[in-house]
Each structure stands twice: as structure tokens, then as C-alpha cells.
Amino acid sequence: MDLPQLLLVGLVLLLGVVGVLIPGVPGTWLVWAGLLWWALHVRSTLAWSLLVAATALLLVVQVVKWLLPPRRVRGLRITSRMAVFAGAGAVLGFVLVPVVGAVPGFVGGIYLCERMRLGTHGEAWASVRAVMRAVGTSVLVELFACLMVVGAWVGAVVAA
């Protein structure tokens, strides 16, 4: 696969990761479609193995999200700004401390956004807990899985 196609696949994967944070955008499916596109062009054992593993992981994540209890979002001030902070924190954490850094980065991004909005530590932390109980867990599970798939894809591209 040549460089322009790799960059396009990477762009689709990036859009999928960002899509996880935007309601109504099928982020997980974009990540899977980008990986499928790559595997169909590369046609190696590594590519097909990664596609099978990613498919299994992303299907398990869909089941886990479905099993998580629904919570009320009314009364919470979940904004697009918070989603940007949470997503940027998760990606930064994933890069700084591979894989496991996404979780504290996600929560830290929400905390930073709320600390800037509310001003005090106690109010910001209470807001973070409420947001994580309402929607944060399901978004975090999906985002973490997509970041793992993208990280594995980057590793496979570098290794090939």
C-alpha cells in the first residue's frame, strides 16, 4: 500500500476516533471500515489477523455498551467543549502512557474542562463523577477500544 492510501486510511481511523465523541457519528464503524480497507489492500496474514481481532473487540464493546445501565443526562452540562477536552486527554494519555493512559487522560480532560468552568476542585470533581456515571463510562469503553485498534494498526504499519 502506498503512502497516500496509508494516509487516507489513517484519516478514516482518526475520524472514527473523533466520531466516538460526537453523538450520532458511527465512530466505531468508521474505525472498522478503515481497518477493513487497509486489510483488503495489504492482504497479509498480519492484516487479516488484526482485522479479525479488531472485529471481535469492537463487537464485544458494542455488547458491553448495551449492557451498561442507562443514566439520566438531564441537568448535566455536557458540552462539545467537554468532549474535545476528554478526547484530547484520552489521546494524549494514550500516547504518553501507551494504552492505559487513555483512561486517566479522558477523566483528566473532563476535570480540566470543569475546573476551568466551575473554578473550584470540589465542584469540578463532583461534576466529573456525575458525568462519568451518566455517559462517560460507555464513551470511554468505546473510545478505549478504538484507540487500541488504531494503536495496533500503527504498530502493524510500522512493523511491515
C-alpha atoms as a PDB file:
ATOM      1  CA  MET A   1       0.000   0.000   0.000  1.00  0.00           C
ATOM      2  CA  ASP A   2       1.444   3.341  -0.996  1.00  0.00           C
ATOM      3  CA  LEU A   3       1.789   6.366   1.277  1.00  0.00           C
ATOM      4  CA  PRO A   4      -1.242   8.368   0.051  1.00  0.00           C
ATOM      5  CA  GLN A   5      -3.537   5.399   0.698  1.00  0.00           C
ATOM      6  CA  LEU A   6      -1.991   4.830   4.123  1.00  0.00           C
ATOM      7  CA  LEU A   7      -2.620   8.473   4.949  1.00  0.00           C
ATOM      8  CA  LEU A   8      -6.250   8.151   3.833  1.00  0.00           C
ATOM      9  CA  VAL A   9      -6.716   5.029   5.955  1.00  0.00           C
ATOM     10  CA  GLY A  10      -5.148   6.885   8.879  1.00  0.00           C
ATOM     11  CA  LEU A  11      -7.542   9.794   8.287  1.00  0.00           C
ATOM     12  CA  VAL A  12     -10.553   7.456   8.314  1.00  0.00           C
ATOM     13  CA  LEU A  13      -9.297   5.882  11.553  1.00  0.00           C
ATOM     14  CA  LEU A  14      -8.785   9.326  13.080  1.00  0.00           C
ATOM     15  CA  LEU A  15     -12.272  10.404  12.026  1.00  0.00           C
ATOM     16  CA  GLY A  16     -13.603   7.250  13.651  1.00  0.00           C
ATOM     17  CA  VAL A  17     -11.853   8.006  16.938  1.00  0.00           C
ATOM     18  CA  VAL A  18     -13.187  11.572  16.877  1.00  0.00           C
ATOM     19  CA  GLY A  19     -16.598  10.220  15.856  1.00  0.00           C
ATOM     20  CA  VAL A  20     -16.824   8.242  19.082  1.00  0.00           C
ATOM     21  CA  LEU A  21     -17.009  11.564  20.927  1.00  0.00           C
ATOM     22  CA  ILE A  22     -19.682  13.074  18.684  1.00  0.00           C
ATOM     23  CA  PRO A  23     -23.232  11.788  19.190  1.00  0.00           C
ATOM     24  CA  GLY A  24     -24.745  10.359  16.034  1.00  0.00           C
ATOM     25  CA  VAL A  25     -21.446   9.646  14.277  1.00  0.00           C
ATOM     26  CA  PRO A  26     -20.650   5.926  13.934  1.00  0.00           C
ATOM     27  CA  GLY A  27     -17.069   6.197  15.154  1.00  0.00           C
ATOM     28  CA  THR A  28     -16.557   2.512  15.874  1.00  0.00           C
ATOM     29  CA  TRP A  29     -17.795   1.553  12.430  1.00  0.00           C
ATOM     30  CA  LEU A  30     -15.522   4.119  10.774  1.00  0.00           C
ATOM     31  CA  VAL A  31     -12.534   2.624  12.593  1.00  0.00           C
ATOM     32  CA  TRP A  32     -13.566  -0.864  11.499  1.00  0.00           C
ATOM     33  CA  ALA A  33     -14.173   0.253   7.895  1.00  0.00           C
ATOM     34  CA  GLY A  34     -10.752   1.918   7.740  1.00  0.00           C
ATOM     35  CA  LEU A  35      -9.112  -1.247   9.011  1.00  0.00           C
ATOM     36  CA  LEU A  36     -11.072  -3.343   6.503  1.00  0.00           C
ATOM     37  CA  TRP A  37      -9.956  -1.049   3.680  1.00  0.00           C
ATOM     38  CA  TRP A  38      -6.336  -1.454   4.775  1.00  0.00           C
ATOM     39  CA  ALA A  39      -6.600  -5.256   5.132  1.00  0.00           C
ATOM     40  CA  LEU A  40      -8.204  -5.636   1.693  1.00  0.00           C
ATOM     41  CA  HIS A  41      -5.289  -3.772   0.094  1.00  0.00           C
ATOM     42  CA  VAL A  42      -2.423  -5.234   2.118  1.00  0.00           C
ATOM     43  CA  ARG A  43      -3.645  -8.861   2.078  1.00  0.00           C
ATOM     44  CA  SER A  44      -1.139 -10.201   4.575  1.00  0.00           C
ATOM     45  CA  THR A  45      -1.565 -12.581   7.473  1.00  0.00           C
ATOM     46  CA  LEU A  46      -0.879  -9.736   9.893  1.00  0.00           C
ATOM     47  CA  ALA A  47      -3.534  -7.534   8.284  1.00  0.00           C
ATOM     48  CA  TRP A  48      -6.204 -10.237   8.336  1.00  0.00           C
ATOM     49  CA  SER A  49      -5.326 -11.236  11.905  1.00  0.00           C
ATOM     50  CA  LEU A  50      -5.594  -7.632  13.027  1.00  0.00           C
ATOM     51  CA  LEU A  51      -8.938  -7.248  11.249  1.00  0.00           C
ATOM     52  CA  VAL A  52     -10.339 -10.391  12.901  1.00  0.00           C
ATOM     53  CA  ALA A  53      -9.102  -9.335  16.354  1.00  0.00           C
ATOM     54  CA  ALA A  54     -10.406  -5.789  15.906  1.00  0.00           C
ATOM     55  CA  THR A  55     -13.776  -7.078  14.726  1.00  0.00           C
ATOM     56  CA  ALA A  56     -14.081  -9.284  17.798  1.00  0.00           C
ATOM     57  CA  LEU A  57     -13.018  -6.467  20.131  1.00  0.00           C
ATOM     58  CA  LEU A  58     -15.375  -3.912  18.596  1.00  0.00           C
ATOM     59  CA  LEU A  59     -18.301  -6.345  18.698  1.00  0.00           C
ATOM     60  CA  VAL A  60     -17.612  -7.098  22.367  1.00  0.00           C
ATOM     61  CA  VAL A  61     -17.517  -3.353  23.053  1.00  0.00           C
ATOM     62  CA  GLN A  62     -20.939  -2.928  21.412  1.00  0.00           C
ATOM     63  CA  VAL A  63     -22.335  -5.632  23.715  1.00  0.00           C
ATOM     64  CA  VAL A  64     -20.689  -4.081  26.783  1.00  0.00           C
ATOM     65  CA  LYS A  65     -22.103  -0.649  25.902  1.00  0.00           C
ATOM     66  CA  TRP A  66     -25.536  -2.186  25.545  1.00  0.00           C
ATOM     67  CA  LEU A  67     -25.225  -3.865  28.949  1.00  0.00           C
ATOM     68  CA  LEU A  68     -24.156  -0.702  30.770  1.00  0.00           C
ATOM     69  CA  PRO A  69     -27.090   0.795  32.636  1.00  0.00           C
ATOM     70  CA  PRO A  70     -28.599   3.895  31.018  1.00  0.00           C
ATOM     71  CA  ARG A  71     -28.348   7.040  33.106  1.00  0.00           C
ATOM     72  CA  ARG A  72     -30.039  10.388  33.062  1.00  0.00           C
ATOM     73  CA  VAL A  73     -28.203  13.127  31.263  1.00  0.00           C
ATOM     74  CA  ARG A  74     -30.639  15.913  32.094  1.00  0.00           C
ATOM     75  CA  GLY A  75     -29.211  18.507  34.407  1.00  0.00           C
ATOM     76  CA  LEU A  76     -25.619  17.797  33.426  1.00  0.00           C
ATOM     77  CA  ARG A  77     -23.807  20.412  31.406  1.00  0.00           C
ATOM     78  CA  ILE A  78     -22.168  18.123  28.868  1.00  0.00           C
ATOM     79  CA  THR A  79     -20.883  20.361  26.107  1.00  0.00           C
ATOM     80  CA  SER A  80     -18.922  19.882  22.932  1.00  0.00           C
ATOM     81  CA  ARG A  81     -16.051  21.657  24.682  1.00  0.00           C
ATOM     82  CA  MET A  82     -16.045  18.928  27.332  1.00  0.00           C
ATOM     83  CA  ALA A  83     -15.995  16.254  24.618  1.00  0.00           C
ATOM     84  CA  VAL A  84     -12.987  17.933  22.999  1.00  0.00           C
ATOM     85  CA  PHE A  85     -11.129  18.123  26.322  1.00  0.00           C
ATOM     86  CA  ALA A  86     -11.982  14.497  27.165  1.00  0.00           C
ATOM     87  CA  GLY A  87     -10.968  13.233  23.723  1.00  0.00           C
ATOM     88  CA  ALA A  88      -7.748  15.222  23.659  1.00  0.00           C
ATOM     89  CA  GLY A  89      -6.915  13.992  27.157  1.00  0.00           C
ATOM     90  CA  ALA A  90      -7.560  10.375  26.165  1.00  0.00           C
ATOM     91  CA  VAL A  91      -5.417  10.599  23.035  1.00  0.00           C
ATOM     92  CA  LEU A  92      -2.626  12.414  24.903  1.00  0.00           C
ATOM     93  CA  GLY A  93      -2.752   9.870  27.722  1.00  0.00           C
ATOM     94  CA  PHE A  94      -2.751   7.004  25.209  1.00  0.00           C
ATOM     95  CA  VAL A  95       0.394   8.408  23.583  1.00  0.00           C
ATOM     96  CA  LEU A  96       2.231   9.318  26.804  1.00  0.00           C
ATOM     97  CA  VAL A  97       1.459   6.084  28.674  1.00  0.00           C
ATOM     98  CA  PRO A  98       0.593   3.579  25.936  1.00  0.00           C
ATOM     99  CA  VAL A  99      -2.857   2.006  26.180  1.00  0.00           C
ATOM    100  CA  VAL A 100      -3.612   2.502  29.899  1.00  0.00           C
ATOM    101  CA  GLY A 101      -3.005   6.261  29.768  1.00  0.00           C
ATOM    102  CA  ALA A 102      -6.243   6.788  27.828  1.00  0.00           C
ATOM    103  CA  VAL A 103      -8.412   6.288  30.912  1.00  0.00           C
ATOM    104  CA  PRO A 104      -6.797   8.875  33.214  1.00  0.00           C
ATOM    105  CA  GLY A 105      -6.364  11.191  30.231  1.00  0.00           C
ATOM    106  CA  PHE A 106     -10.097  11.024  29.474  1.00  0.00           C
ATOM    107  CA  VAL A 107     -11.096  11.717  33.064  1.00  0.00           C
ATOM    108  CA  GLY A 108      -8.397  14.388  33.377  1.00  0.00           C
ATOM    109  CA  GLY A 109      -9.707  16.159  30.279  1.00  0.00           C
ATOM    110  CA  ILE A 110     -13.203  16.308  31.763  1.00  0.00           C
ATOM    111  CA  TYR A 111     -11.777  17.524  35.075  1.00  0.00           C
ATOM    112  CA  LEU A 112      -9.742  20.265  33.395  1.00  0.00           C
ATOM    113  CA  CYS A 113     -12.767  21.475  31.446  1.00  0.00           C
ATOM    114  CA  GLU A 114     -14.944  21.518  34.561  1.00  0.00           C
ATOM    115  CA  ARG A 115     -12.243  23.133  36.698  1.00  0.00           C
ATOM    116  CA  MET A 116     -11.961  25.959  34.185  1.00  0.00           C
ATOM    117  CA  ARG A 117     -15.760  26.343  34.093  1.00  0.00           C
ATOM    118  CA  LEU A 118     -16.562  25.970  37.810  1.00  0.00           C
ATOM    119  CA  GLY A 119     -13.372  27.249  39.427  1.00  0.00           C
ATOM    120  CA  THR A 120     -13.018  25.008  42.486  1.00  0.00           C
ATOM    121  CA  HIS A 121     -11.658  21.500  42.873  1.00  0.00           C
ATOM    122  CA  GLY A 122     -14.647  20.172  44.809  1.00  0.00           C
ATOM    123  CA  GLU A 123     -17.267  21.352  42.324  1.00  0.00           C
ATOM    124  CA  ALA A 124     -15.198  20.179  39.349  1.00  0.00           C
ATOM    125  CA  TRP A 125     -14.639  16.732  40.844  1.00  0.00           C
ATOM    126  CA  ALA A 126     -18.343  16.353  41.700  1.00  0.00           C
ATOM    127  CA  SER A 127     -19.206  17.249  38.121  1.00  0.00           C
ATOM    128  CA  VAL A 128     -16.657  14.735  36.768  1.00  0.00           C
ATOM    129  CA  ARG A 129     -18.224  11.976  38.878  1.00  0.00           C
ATOM    130  CA  ALA A 130     -21.719  12.854  37.649  1.00  0.00           C
ATOM    131  CA  VAL A 131     -20.626  12.961  34.002  1.00  0.00           C
ATOM    132  CA  MET A 132     -18.735   9.675  34.254  1.00  0.00           C
ATOM    133  CA  ARG A 133     -21.759   8.000  35.850  1.00  0.00           C
ATOM    134  CA  ALA A 134     -24.113   9.310  33.157  1.00  0.00           C
ATOM    135  CA  VAL A 135     -22.264   8.909  29.868  1.00  0.00           C
ATOM    136  CA  GLY A 136     -18.553   8.774  30.473  1.00  0.00           C
ATOM    137  CA  THR A 137     -18.238   5.056  31.031  1.00  0.00           C
ATOM    138  CA  SER A 138     -19.856   3.997  27.756  1.00  0.00           C
ATOM    139  CA  VAL A 139     -17.966   6.625  25.758  1.00  0.00           C
ATOM    140  CA  LEU A 140     -14.721   5.687  27.495  1.00  0.00           C
ATOM    141  CA  VAL A 141     -15.178   1.982  26.741  1.00  0.00           C
ATOM    142  CA  GLU A 142     -15.805   2.680  23.057  1.00  0.00           C
ATOM    143  CA  LEU A 143     -13.004   5.253  22.787  1.00  0.00           C
ATOM    144  CA  PHE A 144     -10.521   2.954  24.526  1.00  0.00           C
ATOM    145  CA  ALA A 145     -11.327   0.089  22.148  1.00  0.00           C
ATOM    146  CA  CYS A 146     -10.985   2.318  19.082  1.00  0.00           C
ATOM    147  CA  LEU A 147      -7.670   3.686  20.348  1.00  0.00           C
ATOM    148  CA  MET A 148      -6.428   0.128  20.878  1.00  0.00           C
ATOM    149  CA  VAL A 149      -7.381  -0.786  17.304  1.00  0.00           C
ATOM    150  CA  VAL A 150      -5.709   2.333  15.888  1.00  0.00           C
ATOM    151  CA  GLY A 151      -2.612   1.696  18.008  1.00  0.00           C
ATOM    152  CA  ALA A 152      -2.412  -1.889  16.749  1.00  0.00           C
ATOM    153  CA  TRP A 153      -2.817  -0.649  13.167  1.00  0.00           C
ATOM    154  CA  VAL A 154       0.027   1.865  13.626  1.00  0.00           C
ATOM    155  CA  GLY A 155       2.187  -0.926  15.056  1.00  0.00           C
ATOM    156  CA  ALA A 156       1.352  -3.194  12.118  1.00  0.00           C
ATOM    157  CA  VAL A 157       2.143  -0.467   9.570  1.00  0.00           C
ATOM    158  CA  VAL A 158       5.448   0.309  11.245  1.00  0.00           C
ATOM    159  CA  ALA A 159       6.336  -3.401  11.518  1.00  0.00           C
ATOM    160  CA  ALA A 160       5.548  -4.109   7.849  1.00  0.00           C
END
